PDB file of all heavy atoms in Angstrom:
ATOM      1  N   MET A   1      31.262 192.332  87.602  1.00  0.00           N
ATOM      2  CA  MET A   1      30.170 192.630  88.517  1.00  0.00           C
ATOM      3  C   MET A   1      29.424 193.890  88.095  1.00  0.00           C
ATOM      4  O   MET A   1      28.187 193.928  88.105  1.00  0.00           O
ATOM      5  CB  MET A   1      30.711 192.810  89.944  1.00  0.00           C
ATOM      6  CG  MET A   1      29.623 193.059  90.981  1.00  0.00           C
ATOM      7  SD  MET A   1      30.279 193.525  92.606  1.00  0.00           S
ATOM      8  CE  MET A   1      30.719 195.244  92.294  1.00  0.00           C
ATOM      9  N   CYS A   2      30.170 194.915  87.716  1.00  0.00           N
ATOM     10  CA  CYS A   2      29.532 196.167  87.292  1.00  0.00           C
ATOM     11  C   CYS A   2      28.696 195.962  86.027  1.00  0.00           C
ATOM     12  O   CYS A   2      27.605 196.529  85.901  1.00  0.00           O
ATOM     13  CB  CYS A   2      30.590 197.246  87.074  1.00  0.00           C
ATOM     14  SG  CYS A   2      31.311 197.885  88.607  1.00  0.00           S
ATOM     15  N   ARG A   3      29.191 195.161  85.091  1.00  0.00           N
ATOM     16  CA  ARG A   3      28.408 194.890  83.887  1.00  0.00           C
ATOM     17  C   ARG A   3      27.101 194.191  84.244  1.00  0.00           C
ATOM     18  O   ARG A   3      26.034 194.510  83.710  1.00  0.00           O
ATOM     19  CB  ARG A   3      29.219 194.042  82.905  1.00  0.00           C
ATOM     20  CG  ARG A   3      30.317 194.792  82.191  1.00  0.00           C
ATOM     21  CD  ARG A   3      30.852 193.995  81.013  1.00  0.00           C
ATOM     22  NE  ARG A   3      31.439 192.733  81.422  1.00  0.00           N
ATOM     23  CZ  ARG A   3      32.721 192.574  81.751  1.00  0.00           C
ATOM     24  NH1 ARG A   3      33.548 193.609  81.733  1.00  0.00           N
ATOM     25  NH2 ARG A   3      33.185 191.370  82.098  1.00  0.00           N
ATOM     26  N   HIS A   4      27.181 193.224  85.160  1.00  0.00           N
ATOM     27  CA  HIS A   4      25.973 192.508  85.563  1.00  0.00           C
ATOM     28  C   HIS A   4      24.995 193.460  86.252  1.00  0.00           C
ATOM     29  O   HIS A   4      23.782 193.437  85.960  1.00  0.00           O
ATOM     30  CB  HIS A   4      26.333 191.359  86.501  1.00  0.00           C
ATOM     31  CG  HIS A   4      25.142 190.626  87.033  1.00  0.00           C
ATOM     32  ND1 HIS A   4      24.491 189.641  86.318  1.00  0.00           N
ATOM     33  CD2 HIS A   4      24.454 190.762  88.204  1.00  0.00           C
ATOM     34  CE1 HIS A   4      23.463 189.198  87.017  1.00  0.00           C
ATOM     35  NE2 HIS A   4      23.427 189.853  88.165  1.00  0.00           N
ATOM     36  N   MET A   5      25.487 194.288  87.166  1.00  0.00           N
ATOM     37  CA  MET A   5      24.617 195.217  87.883  1.00  0.00           C
ATOM     38  C   MET A   5      23.970 196.212  86.933  1.00  0.00           C
ATOM     39  O   MET A   5      22.783 196.547  87.064  1.00  0.00           O
ATOM     40  CB  MET A   5      25.406 195.938  88.968  1.00  0.00           C
ATOM     41  CG  MET A   5      25.808 195.044  90.133  1.00  0.00           C
ATOM     42  SD  MET A   5      26.941 195.865  91.305  1.00  0.00           S
ATOM     43  CE  MET A   5      25.943 197.245  91.872  1.00  0.00           C
ATOM     44  N   ALA A   6      24.738 196.685  85.958  1.00  0.00           N
ATOM     45  CA  ALA A   6      24.184 197.636  84.994  1.00  0.00           C
ATOM     46  C   ALA A   6      23.029 197.004  84.218  1.00  0.00           C
ATOM     47  O   ALA A   6      21.998 197.647  83.973  1.00  0.00           O
ATOM     48  CB  ALA A   6      25.274 198.108  84.046  1.00  0.00           C
ATOM     49  N   GLY A   7      23.204 195.738  83.854  1.00  0.00           N
ATOM     50  CA  GLY A   7      22.143 195.058  83.124  1.00  0.00           C
ATOM     51  C   GLY A   7      20.894 194.840  83.955  1.00  0.00           C
ATOM     52  O   GLY A   7      19.792 194.706  83.411  1.00  0.00           O
ATOM     53  N   ARG A   8      21.057 194.835  85.260  1.00  0.00           N
ATOM     54  CA  ARG A   8      19.921 194.624  86.156  1.00  0.00           C
ATOM     55  C   ARG A   8      19.388 195.930  86.737  1.00  0.00           C
ATOM     56  O   ARG A   8      18.427 195.913  87.506  1.00  0.00           O
ATOM     57  CB  ARG A   8      20.349 193.705  87.300  1.00  0.00           C
ATOM     58  CG  ARG A   8      20.835 192.328  86.857  1.00  0.00           C
ATOM     59  CD  ARG A   8      19.682 191.403  86.606  1.00  0.00           C
ATOM     60  NE  ARG A   8      19.025 191.058  87.873  1.00  0.00           N
ATOM     61  CZ  ARG A   8      17.828 190.510  87.952  1.00  0.00           C
ATOM     62  NH1 ARG A   8      17.156 190.260  86.848  1.00  0.00           N
ATOM     63  NH2 ARG A   8      17.295 190.203  89.135  1.00  0.00           N
ATOM     64  N   GLY A   9      20.018 197.047  86.394  1.00  0.00           N
ATOM     65  CA  GLY A   9      19.570 198.325  86.928  1.00  0.00           C
ATOM     66  C   GLY A   9      19.857 198.501  88.407  1.00  0.00           C
ATOM     67  O   GLY A   9      19.159 199.246  89.107  1.00  0.00           O
ATOM     68  N   ILE A  10      20.908 197.852  88.900  1.00  0.00           N
ATOM     69  CA  ILE A  10      21.283 197.921  90.317  1.00  0.00           C
ATOM     70  C   ILE A  10      22.460 198.870  90.469  1.00  0.00           C
ATOM     71  O   ILE A  10      23.431 198.797  89.711  1.00  0.00           O
ATOM     72  CB  ILE A  10      21.654 196.524  90.850  1.00  0.00           C
ATOM     73  CG1 ILE A  10      20.444 195.592  90.773  1.00  0.00           C
ATOM     74  CG2 ILE A  10      22.169 196.609  92.279  1.00  0.00           C
ATOM     75  CD1 ILE A  10      20.772 194.156  91.135  1.00  0.00           C
ATOM     76  N   ARG A  11      22.384 199.740  91.482  1.00  0.00           N
ATOM     77  CA  ARG A  11      23.444 200.730  91.676  1.00  0.00           C
ATOM     78  C   ARG A  11      24.266 200.521  92.944  1.00  0.00           C
ATOM     79  O   ARG A  11      25.302 201.171  93.094  1.00  0.00           O
ATOM     80  CB  ARG A  11      22.845 202.136  91.699  1.00  0.00           C
ATOM     81  CG  ARG A  11      22.407 202.627  90.330  1.00  0.00           C
ATOM     82  CD  ARG A  11      22.181 204.112  90.335  1.00  0.00           C
ATOM     83  NE  ARG A  11      22.145 204.647  88.975  1.00  0.00           N
ATOM     84  CZ  ARG A  11      22.197 205.941  88.690  1.00  0.00           C
ATOM     85  NH1 ARG A  11      22.285 206.832  89.659  1.00  0.00           N
ATOM     86  NH2 ARG A  11      22.174 206.343  87.434  1.00  0.00           N
ATOM     87  N   VAL A  12      23.827 199.696  93.860  1.00  0.00           N
ATOM     88  CA  VAL A  12      24.500 199.550  95.149  1.00  0.00           C
ATOM     89  C   VAL A  12      24.874 198.089  95.363  1.00  0.00           C
ATOM     90  O   VAL A  12      24.065 197.192  95.135  1.00  0.00           O
ATOM     91  CB  VAL A  12      23.604 200.040  96.298  1.00  0.00           C
ATOM     92  CG1 VAL A  12      24.197 199.664  97.651  1.00  0.00           C
ATOM     93  CG2 VAL A  12      23.396 201.551  96.212  1.00  0.00           C
ATOM     94  N   ALA A  13      26.104 197.862  95.816  1.00  0.00           N
ATOM     95  CA  ALA A  13      26.559 196.514  96.169  1.00  0.00           C
ATOM     96  C   ALA A  13      27.183 196.545  97.556  1.00  0.00           C
ATOM     97  O   ALA A  13      28.005 197.422  97.858  1.00  0.00           O
ATOM     98  CB  ALA A  13      27.561 195.988  95.153  1.00  0.00           C
ATOM     99  N   LEU A  14      26.791 195.606  98.397  1.00  0.00           N
ATOM    100  CA  LEU A  14      27.379 195.465  99.725  1.00  0.00           C
ATOM    101  C   LEU A  14      28.580 194.523  99.658  1.00  0.00           C
ATOM    102  O   LEU A  14      28.631 193.628  98.814  1.00  0.00           O
ATOM    103  CB  LEU A  14      26.353 194.904 100.709  1.00  0.00           C
ATOM    104  CG  LEU A  14      25.013 195.621 100.811  1.00  0.00           C
ATOM    105  CD1 LEU A  14      24.182 195.013 101.941  1.00  0.00           C
ATOM    106  CD2 LEU A  14      25.178 197.109 100.998  1.00  0.00           C
ATOM    107  N   THR A  15      29.531 194.728 100.540  1.00  0.00           N
ATOM    108  CA  THR A  15      30.737 193.907 100.579  1.00  0.00           C
ATOM    109  C   THR A  15      30.956 193.379 101.995  1.00  0.00           C
ATOM    110  O   THR A  15      30.312 193.809 102.948  1.00  0.00           O
ATOM    111  CB  THR A  15      31.987 194.701 100.156  1.00  0.00           C
ATOM    112  OG1 THR A  15      32.447 195.496 101.275  1.00  0.00           O
ATOM    113  CG2 THR A  15      31.700 195.609  98.972  1.00  0.00           C
ATOM    114  N   GLY A  16      31.905 192.480 102.127  1.00  0.00           N
ATOM    115  CA  GLY A  16      32.351 192.005 103.443  1.00  0.00           C
ATOM    116  C   GLY A  16      33.605 192.718 103.906  1.00  0.00           C
ATOM    117  O   GLY A  16      34.205 192.317 104.911  1.00  0.00           O
ATOM    118  N   GLU A  17      33.991 193.782 103.202  1.00  0.00           N
ATOM    119  CA  GLU A  17      35.182 194.562 103.572  1.00  0.00           C
ATOM    120  C   GLU A  17      35.087 195.011 105.036  1.00  0.00           C
ATOM    121  O   GLU A  17      34.057 195.485 105.495  1.00  0.00           O
ATOM    122  CB  GLU A  17      35.280 195.781 102.650  1.00  0.00           C
ATOM    123  CG  GLU A  17      36.080 196.964 103.149  1.00  0.00           C
ATOM    124  CD  GLU A  17      37.568 196.715 103.271  1.00  0.00           C
ATOM    125  OE1 GLU A  17      38.068 195.788 102.608  1.00  0.00           O
ATOM    126  OE2 GLU A  17      38.235 197.453 104.028  1.00  0.00           O
ATOM    127  N   GLY A  18      36.185 194.853 105.738  1.00  0.00           N
ATOM    128  CA  GLY A  18      36.245 195.272 107.133  1.00  0.00           C
ATOM    129  C   GLY A  18      36.113 194.125 108.116  1.00  0.00           C
ATOM    130  O   GLY A  18      36.518 194.256 109.278  1.00  0.00           O
ATOM    131  N   GLY A  19      35.567 192.995 107.676  1.00  0.00           N
ATOM    132  CA  GLY A  19      35.426 191.872 108.593  1.00  0.00           C
ATOM    133  C   GLY A  19      36.756 191.379 109.126  1.00  0.00           C
ATOM    134  O   GLY A  19      36.916 191.131 110.330  1.00  0.00           O
ATOM    135  N   ASP A  20      37.730 191.231 108.242  1.00  0.00           N
ATOM    136  CA  ASP A  20      39.061 190.795 108.687  1.00  0.00           C
ATOM    137  C   ASP A  20      39.686 191.821 109.629  1.00  0.00           C
ATOM    138  O   ASP A  20      40.277 191.463 110.655  1.00  0.00           O
ATOM    139  CB  ASP A  20      39.984 190.587 107.483  1.00  0.00           C
ATOM    140  CG  ASP A  20      39.646 189.332 106.695  1.00  0.00           C
ATOM    141  OD1 ASP A  20      38.962 188.451 107.241  1.00  0.00           O
ATOM    142  OD2 ASP A  20      40.061 189.238 105.523  1.00  0.00           O
ATOM    143  N   ASP A  21      39.580 193.097 109.283  1.00  0.00           N
ATOM    144  CA  ASP A  21      40.242 194.145 110.062  1.00  0.00           C
ATOM    145  C   ASP A  21      39.670 194.255 111.477  1.00  0.00           C
ATOM    146  O   ASP A  21      40.411 194.408 112.448  1.00  0.00           O
ATOM    147  CB  ASP A  21      40.106 195.490 109.351  1.00  0.00           C
ATOM    148  CG  ASP A  21      40.859 195.542 108.039  1.00  0.00           C
ATOM    149  OD1 ASP A  21      41.897 194.867 107.929  1.00  0.00           O
ATOM    150  OD2 ASP A  21      40.411 196.239 107.120  1.00  0.00           O
ATOM    151  N   TRP A  22      38.349 194.193 111.593  1.00  0.00           N
ATOM    152  CA  TRP A  22      37.720 194.444 112.881  1.00  0.00           C
ATOM    153  C   TRP A  22      37.534 193.195 113.734  1.00  0.00           C
ATOM    154  O   TRP A  22      37.516 193.284 114.968  1.00  0.00           O
ATOM    155  CB  TRP A  22      36.360 195.115 112.684  1.00  0.00           C
ATOM    156  CG  TRP A  22      36.452 196.528 112.229  1.00  0.00           C
ATOM    157  CD1 TRP A  22      36.084 197.043 111.013  1.00  0.00           C
ATOM    158  CD2 TRP A  22      36.952 197.633 112.984  1.00  0.00           C
ATOM    159  NE1 TRP A  22      36.334 198.395 110.964  1.00  0.00           N
ATOM    160  CE2 TRP A  22      36.866 198.777 112.159  1.00  0.00           C
ATOM    161  CE3 TRP A  22      37.465 197.768 114.274  1.00  0.00           C
ATOM    162  CZ2 TRP A  22      37.276 200.034 112.592  1.00  0.00           C
ATOM    163  CZ3 TRP A  22      37.871 199.019 114.702  1.00  0.00           C
ATOM    164  CH2 TRP A  22      37.770 200.140 113.869  1.00  0.00           C
ATOM    165  N   LEU A  23      37.380 192.032 113.106  1.00  0.00           N
ATOM    166  CA  LEU A  23      36.904 190.874 113.847  1.00  0.00           C
ATOM    167  C   LEU A  23      37.918 189.752 114.010  1.00  0.00           C
ATOM    168  O   LEU A  23      37.685 188.837 114.803  1.00  0.00           O
ATOM    169  CB  LEU A  23      35.643 190.319 113.167  1.00  0.00           C
ATOM    170  CG  LEU A  23      34.416 191.239 113.274  1.00  0.00           C
ATOM    171  CD1 LEU A  23      33.368 190.864 112.237  1.00  0.00           C
ATOM    172  CD2 LEU A  23      33.839 191.174 114.673  1.00  0.00           C
ATOM    173  N   ALA A  24      39.019 189.772 113.256  1.00  0.00           N
ATOM    174  CA  ALA A  24      39.977 188.662 113.340  1.00  0.00           C
ATOM    175  C   ALA A  24      40.604 188.560 114.718  1.00  0.00           C
ATOM    176  O   ALA A  24      40.916 187.471 115.190  1.00  0.00           O
ATOM    177  CB  ALA A  24      41.053 188.800 112.272  1.00  0.00           C
ATOM    178  N   GLY A  25      40.784 189.697 115.376  1.00  0.00           N
ATOM    179  CA  GLY A  25      41.302 189.695 116.729  1.00  0.00           C
ATOM    180  C   GLY A  25      42.798 189.491 116.817  1.00  0.00           C
ATOM    181  O   GLY A  25      43.478 189.182 115.834  1.00  0.00           O
ATOM    182  N   SER A  26      43.320 189.677 118.010  1.00  0.00           N
ATOM    183  CA  SER A  26      44.748 189.518 118.287  1.00  0.00           C
ATOM    184  C   SER A  26      44.888 189.309 119.795  1.00  0.00           C
ATOM    185  O   SER A  26      43.892 189.165 120.505  1.00  0.00           O
ATOM    186  CB  SER A  26      45.532 190.746 117.840  1.00  0.00           C
ATOM    187  OG  SER A  26      45.245 191.840 118.711  1.00  0.00           O
ATOM    188  N   ARG A  27      46.108 189.330 120.248  1.00  0.00           N
ATOM    189  CA  ARG A  27      46.340 189.253 121.698  1.00  0.00           C
ATOM    190  C   ARG A  27      46.882 190.574 122.232  1.00  0.00           C
ATOM    191  O   ARG A  27      47.618 190.611 123.222  1.00  0.00           O
ATOM    192  CB  ARG A  27      47.278 188.088 122.013  1.00  0.00           C
ATOM    193  CG  ARG A  27      46.689 186.747 121.569  1.00  0.00           C
ATOM    194  CD  ARG A  27      47.480 185.549 122.035  1.00  0.00           C
ATOM    195  NE  ARG A  27      46.869 184.337 121.466  1.00  0.00           N
ATOM    196  CZ  ARG A  27      47.323 183.698 120.402  1.00  0.00           C
ATOM    197  NH1 ARG A  27      48.424 184.126 119.787  1.00  0.00           N
ATOM    198  NH2 ARG A  27      46.707 182.628 119.934  1.00  0.00           N
ATOM    199  N   ALA A  28      46.501 191.667 121.557  1.00  0.00           N
ATOM    200  CA  ALA A  28      46.959 192.987 121.992  1.00  0.00           C
ATOM    201  C   ALA A  28      46.371 193.382 123.338  1.00  0.00           C
ATOM    202  O   ALA A  28      46.840 194.345 123.951  1.00  0.00           O
ATOM    203  CB  ALA A  28      46.603 194.033 120.939  1.00  0.00           C
ATOM    204  N   HIS A  29      45.352 192.641 123.818  1.00  0.00           N
ATOM    205  CA  HIS A  29      44.798 192.941 125.144  1.00  0.00           C
ATOM    206  C   HIS A  29      45.595 192.268 126.255  1.00  0.00           C
ATOM    207  O   HIS A  29      45.388 192.590 127.434  1.00  0.00           O
ATOM    208  CB  HIS A  29      43.330 192.497 125.212  1.00  0.00           C
ATOM    209  CG  HIS A  29      43.131 191.034 125.061  1.00  0.00           C
ATOM    210  ND1 HIS A  29      43.388 190.358 123.878  1.00  0.00           N
ATOM    211  CD2 HIS A  29      42.700 190.075 125.946  1.00  0.00           C
ATOM    212  CE1 HIS A  29      43.121 189.078 124.036  1.00  0.00           C
ATOM    213  NE2 HIS A  29      42.703 188.885 125.269  1.00  0.00           N
ATOM    214  N   TRP A  30      46.495 191.357 125.923  1.00  0.00           N
ATOM    215  CA  TRP A  30      47.268 190.692 126.965  1.00  0.00           C
ATOM    216  C   TRP A  30      48.117 191.669 127.780  1.00  0.00           C
ATOM    217  O   TRP A  30      48.169 191.553 129.019  1.00  0.00           O
ATOM    218  CB  TRP A  30      48.131 189.590 126.359  1.00  0.00           C
ATOM    219  CG  TRP A  30      47.371 188.317 126.093  1.00  0.00           C
ATOM    220  CD1 TRP A  30      46.013 188.166 126.048  1.00  0.00           C
ATOM    221  CD2 TRP A  30      47.924 187.030 125.856  1.00  0.00           C
ATOM    222  NE1 TRP A  30      45.684 186.863 125.778  1.00  0.00           N
ATOM    223  CE2 TRP A  30      46.836 186.130 125.653  1.00  0.00           C
ATOM    224  CE3 TRP A  30      49.205 186.526 125.760  1.00  0.00           C
ATOM    225  CZ2 TRP A  30      47.017 184.775 125.393  1.00  0.00           C
ATOM    226  CZ3 TRP A  30      49.393 185.172 125.484  1.00  0.00           C
ATOM    227  CH2 TRP A  30      48.315 184.309 125.314  1.00  0.00           C
ATOM    228  N   PRO A  31      48.813 192.639 127.163  1.00  0.00           N
ATOM    229  CA  PRO A  31      49.541 193.603 127.997  1.00  0.00           C
ATOM    230  C   PRO A  31      48.626 194.365 128.959  1.00  0.00           C
ATOM    231  O   PRO A  31      49.037 194.689 130.082  1.00  0.00           O
ATOM    232  CB  PRO A  31      50.180 194.540 126.965  1.00  0.00           C
ATOM    233  CG  PRO A  31      50.301 193.715 125.729  1.00  0.00           C
ATOM    234  CD  PRO A  31      49.096 192.841 125.728  1.00  0.00           C
ATOM    235  N   ASP A  32      47.384 194.641 128.526  1.00  0.00           N
ATOM    236  CA  ASP A  32      46.448 195.319 129.432  1.00  0.00           C
ATOM    237  C   ASP A  32      46.095 194.438 130.619  1.00  0.00           C
ATOM    238  O   ASP A  32      46.015 194.919 131.763  1.00  0.00           O
ATOM    239  CB  ASP A  32      45.170 195.693 128.672  1.00  0.00           C
ATOM    240  CG  ASP A  32      45.392 196.783 127.645  1.00  0.00           C
ATOM    241  OD1 ASP A  32      45.906 197.846 128.019  1.00  0.00           O
ATOM    242  OD2 ASP A  32      45.062 196.558 126.469  1.00  0.00           O
ATOM    243  N   LEU A  33      45.868 193.153 130.370  1.00  0.00           N
ATOM    244  CA  LEU A  33      45.571 192.239 131.471  1.00  0.00           C
ATOM    245  C   LEU A  33      46.740 192.184 132.454  1.00  0.00           C
ATOM    246  O   LEU A  33      46.543 192.160 133.678  1.00  0.00           O
ATOM    247  CB  LEU A  33      45.272 190.842 130.929  1.00  0.00           C
ATOM    248  CG  LEU A  33      44.009 190.691 130.075  1.00  0.00           C
ATOM    249  CD1 LEU A  33      43.890 189.253 129.554  1.00  0.00           C
ATOM    250  CD2 LEU A  33      42.761 191.067 130.870  1.00  0.00           C
ATOM    251  N   LEU A  34      47.962 192.180 131.918  1.00  0.00           N
ATOM    252  CA  LEU A  34      49.141 192.126 132.789  1.00  0.00           C
ATOM    253  C   LEU A  34      49.255 193.400 133.611  1.00  0.00           C
ATOM    254  O   LEU A  34      49.490 193.356 134.832  1.00  0.00           O
ATOM    255  CB  LEU A  34      50.391 191.922 131.927  1.00  0.00           C
ATOM    256  CG  LEU A  34      51.722 191.763 132.689  1.00  0.00           C
ATOM    257  CD1 LEU A  34      51.687 190.516 133.563  1.00  0.00           C
ATOM    258  CD2 LEU A  34      52.884 191.695 131.709  1.00  0.00           C
ATOM    259  N   ARG A  35      49.075 194.560 132.976  1.00  0.00           N
ATOM    260  CA  ARG A  35      49.200 195.840 133.680  1.00  0.00           C
ATOM    261  C   ARG A  35      48.132 195.999 134.767  1.00  0.00           C
ATOM    262  O   ARG A  35      48.378 196.617 135.794  1.00  0.00           O
ATOM    263  CB  ARG A  35      49.089 197.003 132.695  1.00  0.00           C
ATOM    264  CG  ARG A  35      50.307 197.200 131.807  1.00  0.00           C
ATOM    265  CD  ARG A  35      50.263 198.498 131.047  1.00  0.00           C
ATOM    266  NE  ARG A  35      49.084 198.633 130.203  1.00  0.00           N
ATOM    267  CZ  ARG A  35      48.895 199.634 129.347  1.00  0.00           C
ATOM    268  NH1 ARG A  35      49.806 200.588 129.249  1.00  0.00           N
ATOM    269  NH2 ARG A  35      47.809 199.686 128.603  1.00  0.00           N
ATOM    270  N   ARG A  36      46.944 195.445 134.502  1.00  0.00           N
ATOM    271  CA  ARG A  36      45.839 195.621 135.438  1.00  0.00           C
ATOM    272  C   ARG A  36      45.776 194.525 136.496  1.00  0.00           C
ATOM    273  O   ARG A  36      44.836 194.476 137.295  1.00  0.00           O
ATOM    274  CB  ARG A  36      44.521 195.660 134.651  1.00  0.00           C
ATOM    275  CG  ARG A  36      44.413 196.874 133.744  1.00  0.00           C
ATOM    276  CD  ARG A  36      43.407 196.681 132.629  1.00  0.00           C
ATOM    277  NE  ARG A  36      42.048 196.481 133.102  1.00  0.00           N
ATOM    278  CZ  ARG A  36      41.020 196.171 132.303  1.00  0.00           C
ATOM    279  NH1 ARG A  36      41.227 196.012 130.993  1.00  0.00           N
ATOM    280  NH2 ARG A  36      39.823 196.026 132.802  1.00  0.00           N
ATOM    281  N   GLY A  37      46.761 193.653 136.501  1.00  0.00           N
ATOM    282  CA  GLY A  37      46.805 192.612 137.514  1.00  0.00           C
ATOM    283  C   GLY A  37      45.796 191.503 137.295  1.00  0.00           C
ATOM    284  O   GLY A  37      45.481 190.756 138.238  1.00  0.00           O
TER     285      GLY A  37
END
């Protein structure tokens, strides 16, 4: 990828990093629902 970008004169690349971490979700809110009735 870096070789290709260098040939095109591009210095910045965006990624999808963080999508799994922030958006995959879990059921960690279930204890909150239980505690709050």
